Amino acid sequence: MSSPYEPYQPHTSHPPPPPHATYPWQAAFPAEPAEPPRHRTPENPPLGNHSDLRVLRTAYRLQRRVATLTALGYFLLFLILSAFAPDFMGGEVAPGLPTGLLLALLQLPVTWLAIGLYEHTARRYVDPIADRIRRQSQVDAKRDAGQRGAGR
């Protein structure tokens, strides 16, 4: 048995609305929407593309990981040795200089090493990619400005 309120039955008893206003105070129906203006594609596509930015992101991510893991890895090693190897940390490297103190004092040079690695990877890998993308975007901006100026 079918109910008149069956939610899945299409309701077809009403005709579609008329294409004109039924009452004088109603606004007229708008005409068919005009075709949207076509966007002009540039004759020369932009030089920079998404793969360049992906390469830059990957290089920057690697740079951060190397520097972070260098500093934090050494600090974590120091903490693990302090907790699980007290005999090793209490042993003396030189008279009056325990191994734990020497490793603690070496944290500052290791941090400097991490900063140096960060700078080195920035200059060698990340900065050249960023400079290339920056130059390409400047060329694209000049080309776009020239096309807009010629199109006036």
N, C-alpha and C. Protein backbone atom coordinates (compact mmCIF):
# COMPACT_ATOMS: atom_id res chain seq x y z
N MET A 1 0.85 -1.18 0.00
CA MET A 1 0.00 0.00 0.00
C MET A 1 0.89 1.24 0.00
N SER A 2 0.57 2.16 -0.88
CA SER A 2 1.37 3.38 -1.01
C SER A 2 0.67 4.54 -0.31
N SER A 3 1.43 5.29 0.41
CA SER A 3 0.89 6.43 1.14
C SER A 3 1.03 7.69 0.27
N PRO A 4 0.10 8.66 0.40
CA PRO A 4 0.25 9.90 -0.38
C PRO A 4 1.45 10.71 0.09
N TYR A 5 2.00 10.38 1.24
CA TYR A 5 3.15 11.11 1.78
C TYR A 5 4.44 10.33 1.65
N GLU A 6 4.46 9.42 0.70
CA GLU A 6 5.64 8.60 0.48
C GLU A 6 6.81 9.52 0.12
N PRO A 7 7.90 9.48 0.89
CA PRO A 7 8.99 10.44 0.64
C PRO A 7 9.77 10.18 -0.64
N TYR A 8 9.72 8.98 -1.16
CA TYR A 8 10.53 8.68 -2.33
C TYR A 8 9.75 8.75 -3.63
N GLN A 9 8.48 9.10 -3.58
CA GLN A 9 7.68 9.21 -4.78
C GLN A 9 7.80 10.63 -5.32
N PRO A 10 8.12 10.80 -6.57
CA PRO A 10 8.19 12.17 -7.11
C PRO A 10 6.78 12.77 -7.15
N HIS A 11 6.72 14.02 -6.80
CA HIS A 11 5.44 14.73 -6.77
C HIS A 11 5.30 15.50 -8.09
N THR A 12 4.41 15.03 -8.97
CA THR A 12 4.32 15.61 -10.31
C THR A 12 3.00 16.30 -10.57
N SER A 13 2.19 16.55 -9.55
CA SER A 13 0.87 17.14 -9.81
C SER A 13 0.93 18.63 -10.11
N HIS A 14 2.03 19.33 -9.71
CA HIS A 14 2.14 20.77 -9.97
C HIS A 14 2.88 21.01 -11.28
N PRO A 15 2.35 21.90 -12.12
CA PRO A 15 3.07 22.23 -13.36
C PRO A 15 4.24 23.16 -13.04
N PRO A 16 5.19 23.27 -13.92
CA PRO A 16 6.31 24.19 -13.69
C PRO A 16 5.80 25.63 -13.68
N PRO A 17 6.49 26.55 -13.01
CA PRO A 17 6.03 27.93 -12.97
C PRO A 17 6.05 28.56 -14.36
N PRO A 18 5.15 29.50 -14.60
CA PRO A 18 5.11 30.13 -15.93
C PRO A 18 6.36 30.99 -16.14
N PRO A 19 6.72 31.22 -17.41
CA PRO A 19 7.91 32.02 -17.69
C PRO A 19 7.69 33.52 -17.52
N HIS A 20 6.48 33.94 -17.14
CA HIS A 20 6.19 35.37 -16.96
C HIS A 20 5.64 35.58 -15.55
N ALA A 21 5.56 36.83 -15.12
CA ALA A 21 5.05 37.15 -13.79
C ALA A 21 3.54 36.93 -13.77
N THR A 22 3.06 36.33 -12.70
CA THR A 22 1.64 36.06 -12.57
C THR A 22 0.89 37.30 -12.12
N TYR A 23 1.50 38.06 -11.22
CA TYR A 23 0.87 39.26 -10.68
C TYR A 23 1.67 40.48 -11.09
N PRO A 24 1.00 41.65 -11.24
CA PRO A 24 1.70 42.85 -11.70
C PRO A 24 2.77 43.33 -10.73
N TRP A 25 2.63 43.05 -9.46
CA TRP A 25 3.63 43.54 -8.50
C TRP A 25 4.85 42.62 -8.39
N GLN A 26 4.81 41.47 -9.04
CA GLN A 26 5.96 40.58 -9.03
C GLN A 26 7.01 41.08 -10.02
N ALA A 27 8.24 40.85 -9.65
CA ALA A 27 9.32 41.20 -10.57
C ALA A 27 9.30 40.24 -11.75
N ALA A 28 9.69 40.74 -12.88
CA ALA A 28 9.72 39.89 -14.07
C ALA A 28 10.83 38.85 -13.90
N PHE A 29 10.63 37.70 -14.51
CA PHE A 29 11.66 36.67 -14.46
C PHE A 29 12.86 37.15 -15.26
N PRO A 30 14.02 36.92 -14.76
CA PRO A 30 15.20 37.34 -15.52
C PRO A 30 15.33 36.53 -16.79
N ALA A 31 15.91 37.16 -17.76
CA ALA A 31 16.14 36.45 -19.02
C ALA A 31 17.14 35.33 -18.77
N GLU A 32 17.28 34.49 -19.75
CA GLU A 32 18.24 33.40 -19.63
C GLU A 32 19.59 33.99 -19.23
N PRO A 33 20.28 33.37 -18.30
CA PRO A 33 21.58 33.92 -17.90
C PRO A 33 22.54 33.95 -19.08
N ALA A 34 23.23 35.04 -19.15
CA ALA A 34 24.18 35.18 -20.25
C ALA A 34 25.33 34.21 -20.03
N GLU A 35 25.94 33.82 -21.12
CA GLU A 35 27.07 32.91 -21.01
C GLU A 35 28.20 33.64 -20.30
N PRO A 36 28.81 33.02 -19.31
CA PRO A 36 29.87 33.72 -18.58
C PRO A 36 31.01 34.08 -19.52
N PRO A 37 31.65 35.20 -19.25
CA PRO A 37 32.74 35.60 -20.15
C PRO A 37 33.86 34.57 -20.07
N ARG A 38 34.43 34.31 -21.20
CA ARG A 38 35.53 33.35 -21.25
C ARG A 38 36.79 34.02 -20.74
N HIS A 39 37.52 33.27 -19.96
CA HIS A 39 38.80 33.78 -19.49
C HIS A 39 39.84 33.54 -20.57
N ARG A 40 40.58 34.58 -20.81
CA ARG A 40 41.63 34.43 -21.81
C ARG A 40 42.80 33.69 -21.20
N THR A 41 43.27 32.72 -21.89
CA THR A 41 44.48 32.05 -21.43
C THR A 41 45.65 32.80 -22.02
N PRO A 42 46.68 33.03 -21.23
CA PRO A 42 47.82 33.77 -21.77
C PRO A 42 48.50 33.00 -22.89
N GLU A 43 49.04 33.77 -23.84
CA GLU A 43 49.74 33.11 -24.94
C GLU A 43 50.93 32.33 -24.42
N ASN A 44 51.62 32.91 -23.45
CA ASN A 44 52.75 32.22 -22.82
C ASN A 44 52.34 31.86 -21.40
N PRO A 45 52.23 30.59 -21.08
CA PRO A 45 51.84 30.23 -19.72
C PRO A 45 52.93 30.65 -18.73
N PRO A 46 52.57 30.87 -17.47
CA PRO A 46 53.56 31.28 -16.48
C PRO A 46 54.70 30.26 -16.39
N LEU A 47 55.90 30.78 -16.15
CA LEU A 47 57.05 29.89 -16.09
C LEU A 47 57.03 29.04 -14.83
N GLY A 48 56.73 29.64 -13.69
CA GLY A 48 56.71 28.89 -12.44
C GLY A 48 55.48 28.01 -12.39
N ASN A 49 55.63 26.82 -11.88
CA ASN A 49 54.47 25.95 -11.74
C ASN A 49 54.49 25.32 -10.36
N HIS A 50 53.49 24.53 -10.10
CA HIS A 50 53.34 23.96 -8.76
C HIS A 50 54.46 23.01 -8.41
N SER A 51 55.06 22.36 -9.40
CA SER A 51 56.13 21.41 -9.07
C SER A 51 57.34 22.15 -8.51
N ASP A 52 57.58 23.39 -8.95
CA ASP A 52 58.69 24.17 -8.39
C ASP A 52 58.45 24.43 -6.90
N LEU A 53 57.24 24.78 -6.56
CA LEU A 53 56.92 25.04 -5.16
C LEU A 53 56.99 23.75 -4.35
N ARG A 54 56.61 22.64 -4.95
CA ARG A 54 56.70 21.35 -4.26
C ARG A 54 58.16 21.00 -3.98
N VAL A 55 59.03 21.26 -4.95
CA VAL A 55 60.46 20.99 -4.76
C VAL A 55 61.01 21.88 -3.65
N LEU A 56 60.60 23.15 -3.64
CA LEU A 56 61.05 24.07 -2.60
C LEU A 56 60.58 23.61 -1.22
N ARG A 57 59.32 23.22 -1.13
CA ARG A 57 58.79 22.74 0.15
C ARG A 57 59.54 21.51 0.64
N THR A 58 59.84 20.59 -0.28
CA THR A 58 60.56 19.37 0.08
C THR A 58 61.96 19.70 0.57
N ALA A 59 62.65 20.59 -0.12
CA ALA A 59 64.01 20.97 0.29
C ALA A 59 63.99 21.66 1.65
N TYR A 60 63.03 22.53 1.87
CA TYR A 60 62.94 23.24 3.14
C TYR A 60 62.60 22.27 4.27
N ARG A 61 61.71 21.31 4.00
CA ARG A 61 61.34 20.32 5.01
C ARG A 61 62.56 19.48 5.39
N LEU A 62 63.34 19.05 4.41
CA LEU A 62 64.55 18.28 4.67
C LEU A 62 65.55 19.10 5.49
N GLN A 63 65.66 20.36 5.15
CA GLN A 63 66.57 21.25 5.87
C GLN A 63 66.18 21.35 7.34
N ARG A 64 64.91 21.55 7.59
CA ARG A 64 64.44 21.66 8.99
C ARG A 64 64.67 20.37 9.73
N ARG A 65 64.38 19.24 9.09
CA ARG A 65 64.53 17.95 9.77
C ARG A 65 65.97 17.66 10.13
N VAL A 66 66.90 17.94 9.21
CA VAL A 66 68.31 17.67 9.50
C VAL A 66 68.77 18.50 10.69
N ALA A 67 68.48 19.77 10.69
CA ALA A 67 68.93 20.63 11.78
C ALA A 67 68.25 20.27 13.09
N THR A 68 66.96 20.01 13.05
CA THR A 68 66.22 19.69 14.28
C THR A 68 66.67 18.35 14.84
N LEU A 69 66.81 17.36 13.99
CA LEU A 69 67.22 16.04 14.48
C LEU A 69 68.66 16.05 14.99
N THR A 70 69.50 16.92 14.45
CA THR A 70 70.86 17.01 14.97
C THR A 70 70.85 17.51 16.41
N ALA A 71 70.16 18.62 16.65
CA ALA A 71 70.16 19.19 17.99
C ALA A 71 69.35 18.33 18.96
N LEU A 72 68.15 17.97 18.59
CA LEU A 72 67.31 17.19 19.50
C LEU A 72 67.82 15.77 19.67
N GLY A 73 68.40 15.21 18.63
CA GLY A 73 68.95 13.86 18.74
C GLY A 73 70.08 13.80 19.75
N TYR A 74 70.95 14.77 19.72
CA TYR A 74 72.04 14.79 20.71
C TYR A 74 71.49 14.99 22.12
N PHE A 75 70.54 15.89 22.28
CA PHE A 75 69.95 16.14 23.59
C PHE A 75 69.24 14.88 24.10
N LEU A 76 68.52 14.19 23.23
CA LEU A 76 67.83 12.96 23.62
C LEU A 76 68.85 11.88 24.00
N LEU A 77 69.94 11.78 23.27
CA LEU A 77 71.00 10.83 23.61
C LEU A 77 71.55 11.14 25.00
N PHE A 78 71.76 12.41 25.28
CA PHE A 78 72.26 12.82 26.60
C PHE A 78 71.27 12.42 27.69
N LEU A 79 69.97 12.65 27.47
CA LEU A 79 68.97 12.29 28.47
C LEU A 79 68.89 10.78 28.68
N ILE A 80 68.94 10.02 27.61
CA ILE A 80 68.88 8.56 27.72
C ILE A 80 70.09 8.02 28.47
N LEU A 81 71.27 8.55 28.14
CA LEU A 81 72.47 8.12 28.86
C LEU A 81 72.39 8.50 30.33
N SER A 82 71.84 9.68 30.62
CA SER A 82 71.72 10.10 32.02
C SER A 82 70.78 9.18 32.80
N ALA A 83 69.72 8.73 32.15
CA ALA A 83 68.73 7.91 32.84
C ALA A 83 69.14 6.44 32.91
N PHE A 84 69.71 5.91 31.85
CA PHE A 84 69.94 4.47 31.79
C PHE A 84 71.40 4.05 31.90
N ALA A 85 72.32 4.98 31.89
CA ALA A 85 73.74 4.63 32.01
C ALA A 85 74.42 5.54 33.02
N PRO A 86 73.99 5.50 34.29
CA PRO A 86 74.60 6.39 35.28
C PRO A 86 76.08 6.07 35.54
N ASP A 87 76.44 4.81 35.40
CA ASP A 87 77.85 4.47 35.61
C ASP A 87 78.73 5.09 34.53
N PHE A 88 78.23 5.04 33.28
CA PHE A 88 78.97 5.65 32.17
C PHE A 88 79.07 7.16 32.35
N MET A 89 77.96 7.79 32.72
CA MET A 89 77.95 9.25 32.87
C MET A 89 78.77 9.69 34.09
N GLY A 90 78.91 8.82 35.07
CA GLY A 90 79.69 9.17 36.26
C GLY A 90 81.17 8.90 36.10
N GLY A 91 81.52 8.14 35.07
CA GLY A 91 82.94 7.85 34.85
C GLY A 91 83.69 9.12 34.47
N GLU A 92 84.98 9.10 34.71
CA GLU A 92 85.79 10.30 34.43
C GLU A 92 86.52 10.16 33.10
N VAL A 93 86.47 11.22 32.32
CA VAL A 93 87.22 11.28 31.06
C VAL A 93 88.63 11.74 31.37
N ALA A 94 88.73 12.73 32.19
CA ALA A 94 90.01 13.26 32.67
C ALA A 94 89.87 13.43 34.19
N PRO A 95 90.94 13.59 34.92
CA PRO A 95 90.82 13.75 36.37
C PRO A 95 89.94 14.96 36.71
N GLY A 96 88.85 14.69 37.43
CA GLY A 96 87.93 15.76 37.85
C GLY A 96 86.89 16.14 36.81
N LEU A 97 86.87 15.47 35.63
CA LEU A 97 85.91 15.80 34.57
C LEU A 97 85.07 14.57 34.24
N PRO A 98 83.86 14.48 34.82
CA PRO A 98 83.02 13.32 34.51
C PRO A 98 82.50 13.37 33.07
N THR A 99 82.16 12.20 32.55
CA THR A 99 81.66 12.07 31.18
C THR A 99 80.36 12.85 31.01
N GLY A 100 79.48 12.81 31.99
CA GLY A 100 78.20 13.52 31.91
C GLY A 100 78.40 15.02 31.77
N LEU A 101 79.34 15.58 32.51
CA LEU A 101 79.60 17.02 32.41
C LEU A 101 80.17 17.36 31.04
N LEU A 102 81.07 16.52 30.54
CA LEU A 102 81.64 16.77 29.21
C LEU A 102 80.56 16.73 28.14
N LEU A 103 79.66 15.73 28.21
CA LEU A 103 78.58 15.65 27.23
C LEU A 103 77.61 16.83 27.36
N ALA A 104 77.39 17.29 28.60
CA ALA A 104 76.52 18.46 28.79
C ALA A 104 77.15 19.70 28.19
N LEU A 105 78.47 19.86 28.37
CA LEU A 105 79.16 21.03 27.81
C LEU A 105 79.22 20.97 26.28
N LEU A 106 79.17 19.76 25.73
CA LEU A 106 79.20 19.63 24.27
C LEU A 106 77.86 19.97 23.62
N GLN A 107 76.83 20.16 24.41
CA GLN A 107 75.53 20.50 23.81
C GLN A 107 75.57 21.84 23.09
N LEU A 108 76.30 22.78 23.61
CA LEU A 108 76.39 24.09 22.95
C LEU A 108 77.07 23.98 21.58
N PRO A 109 78.23 23.33 21.47
CA PRO A 109 78.80 23.16 20.12
C PRO A 109 77.92 22.35 19.18
N VAL A 110 77.19 21.36 19.70
CA VAL A 110 76.29 20.58 18.83
C VAL A 110 75.16 21.47 18.32
N THR A 111 74.66 22.37 19.18
CA THR A 111 73.63 23.31 18.73
C THR A 111 74.18 24.23 17.65
N TRP A 112 75.41 24.68 17.82
CA TRP A 112 76.04 25.50 16.78
C TRP A 112 76.20 24.70 15.49
N LEU A 113 76.53 23.42 15.62
CA LEU A 113 76.64 22.56 14.45
C LEU A 113 75.30 22.46 13.74
N ALA A 114 74.22 22.34 14.50
CA ALA A 114 72.88 22.26 13.89
C ALA A 114 72.56 23.56 13.16
N ILE A 115 72.92 24.69 13.76
CA ILE A 115 72.69 25.98 13.10
C ILE A 115 73.54 26.07 11.83
N GLY A 116 74.78 25.61 11.90
CA GLY A 116 75.64 25.61 10.73
C GLY A 116 75.09 24.72 9.62
N LEU A 117 74.58 23.54 9.98
CA LEU A 117 73.96 22.66 8.97
C LEU A 117 72.74 23.34 8.34
N TYR A 118 71.97 24.02 9.17
CA TYR A 118 70.79 24.72 8.66
C TYR A 118 71.21 25.80 7.64
N GLU A 119 72.22 26.58 8.02
CA GLU A 119 72.71 27.62 7.09
C GLU A 119 73.29 27.02 5.82
N HIS A 120 74.05 25.94 5.97
CA HIS A 120 74.68 25.31 4.81
C HIS A 120 73.63 24.77 3.84
N THR A 121 72.65 24.04 4.38
CA THR A 121 71.62 23.49 3.49
C THR A 121 70.75 24.60 2.90
N ALA A 122 70.58 25.70 3.64
CA ALA A 122 69.82 26.82 3.08
C ALA A 122 70.54 27.41 1.88
N ARG A 123 71.83 27.67 2.05
CA ARG A 123 72.60 28.28 0.95
C ARG A 123 72.75 27.33 -0.23
N ARG A 124 72.94 26.06 0.05
CA ARG A 124 73.24 25.12 -1.02
C ARG A 124 72.01 24.60 -1.75
N TYR A 125 70.91 24.37 -1.04
CA TYR A 125 69.76 23.72 -1.66
C TYR A 125 68.51 24.60 -1.74
N VAL A 126 68.14 25.22 -0.62
CA VAL A 126 66.85 25.91 -0.56
C VAL A 126 66.90 27.27 -1.26
N ASP A 127 67.92 28.07 -0.96
CA ASP A 127 67.99 29.42 -1.53
C ASP A 127 68.04 29.43 -3.06
N PRO A 128 68.82 28.56 -3.72
CA PRO A 128 68.81 28.58 -5.19
C PRO A 128 67.42 28.28 -5.78
N ILE A 129 66.69 27.36 -5.16
CA ILE A 129 65.35 27.05 -5.66
C ILE A 129 64.43 28.26 -5.47
N ALA A 130 64.51 28.88 -4.28
CA ALA A 130 63.67 30.06 -4.01
C ALA A 130 64.04 31.21 -4.94
N ASP A 131 65.32 31.40 -5.20
CA ASP A 131 65.74 32.48 -6.12
C ASP A 131 65.22 32.22 -7.53
N ARG A 132 65.27 30.96 -7.98
CA ARG A 132 64.77 30.65 -9.32
C ARG A 132 63.27 30.92 -9.42
N ILE A 133 62.51 30.53 -8.39
CA ILE A 133 61.07 30.78 -8.40
C ILE A 133 60.81 32.28 -8.36
N ARG A 134 61.58 33.03 -7.57
CA ARG A 134 61.41 34.48 -7.48
C ARG A 134 61.68 35.15 -8.83
N ARG A 135 62.75 34.73 -9.52
CA ARG A 135 63.06 35.30 -10.85
C ARG A 135 61.96 34.98 -11.84
N GLN A 136 61.46 33.75 -11.82
CA GLN A 136 60.39 33.37 -12.74
C GLN A 136 59.12 34.16 -12.48
N SER A 137 58.81 34.41 -11.20
CA SER A 137 57.60 35.18 -10.91
C SER A 137 57.76 36.63 -11.33
N GLN A 138 58.98 37.17 -11.24
CA GLN A 138 59.20 38.55 -11.71
C GLN A 138 59.04 38.62 -13.23
N VAL A 139 59.54 37.63 -13.93
CA VAL A 139 59.38 37.59 -15.39
C VAL A 139 57.90 37.50 -15.74
N ASP A 140 57.16 36.65 -15.02
CA ASP A 140 55.73 36.52 -15.26
C ASP A 140 55.00 37.82 -14.99
N ALA A 141 55.37 38.52 -13.91
CA ALA A 141 54.71 39.79 -13.58
C ALA A 141 54.98 40.84 -14.64
N LYS A 142 56.21 40.91 -15.14
CA LYS A 142 56.54 41.88 -16.19
C LYS A 142 55.77 41.55 -17.47
N ARG A 143 55.69 40.26 -17.79
CA ARG A 143 54.99 39.86 -19.01
C ARG A 143 53.50 40.20 -18.89
N ASP A 144 52.90 39.93 -17.71
CA ASP A 144 51.48 40.24 -17.51
C ASP A 144 51.25 41.75 -17.57
N ALA A 145 52.16 42.54 -17.00
CA ALA A 145 52.02 43.99 -17.04
C ALA A 145 52.13 44.49 -18.48
N GLY A 146 53.01 43.90 -19.26
CA GLY A 146 53.16 44.30 -20.67
C GLY A 146 51.92 43.96 -21.48
N GLN A 147 51.32 42.82 -21.20
CA GLN A 147 50.11 42.43 -21.93
C GLN A 147 48.93 43.31 -21.54
N ARG A 148 48.84 43.68 -20.27
CA ARG A 148 47.74 44.57 -19.86
C ARG A 148 47.93 45.95 -20.43
N GLY A 149 49.18 46.41 -20.48
CA GLY A 149 49.44 47.75 -21.03
C GLY A 149 49.17 47.79 -22.52
N ALA A 150 49.45 46.70 -23.24
CA ALA A 150 49.22 46.66 -24.69
C ALA A 150 47.73 46.49 -25.00
N GLY A 151 46.97 45.89 -24.05
CA GLY A 151 45.57 45.63 -24.31
C GLY A 151 44.68 46.81 -24.05
N ARG A 152 45.19 47.91 -23.54
CA ARG A 152 44.36 49.07 -23.23
C ARG A 152 43.89 49.78 -24.43
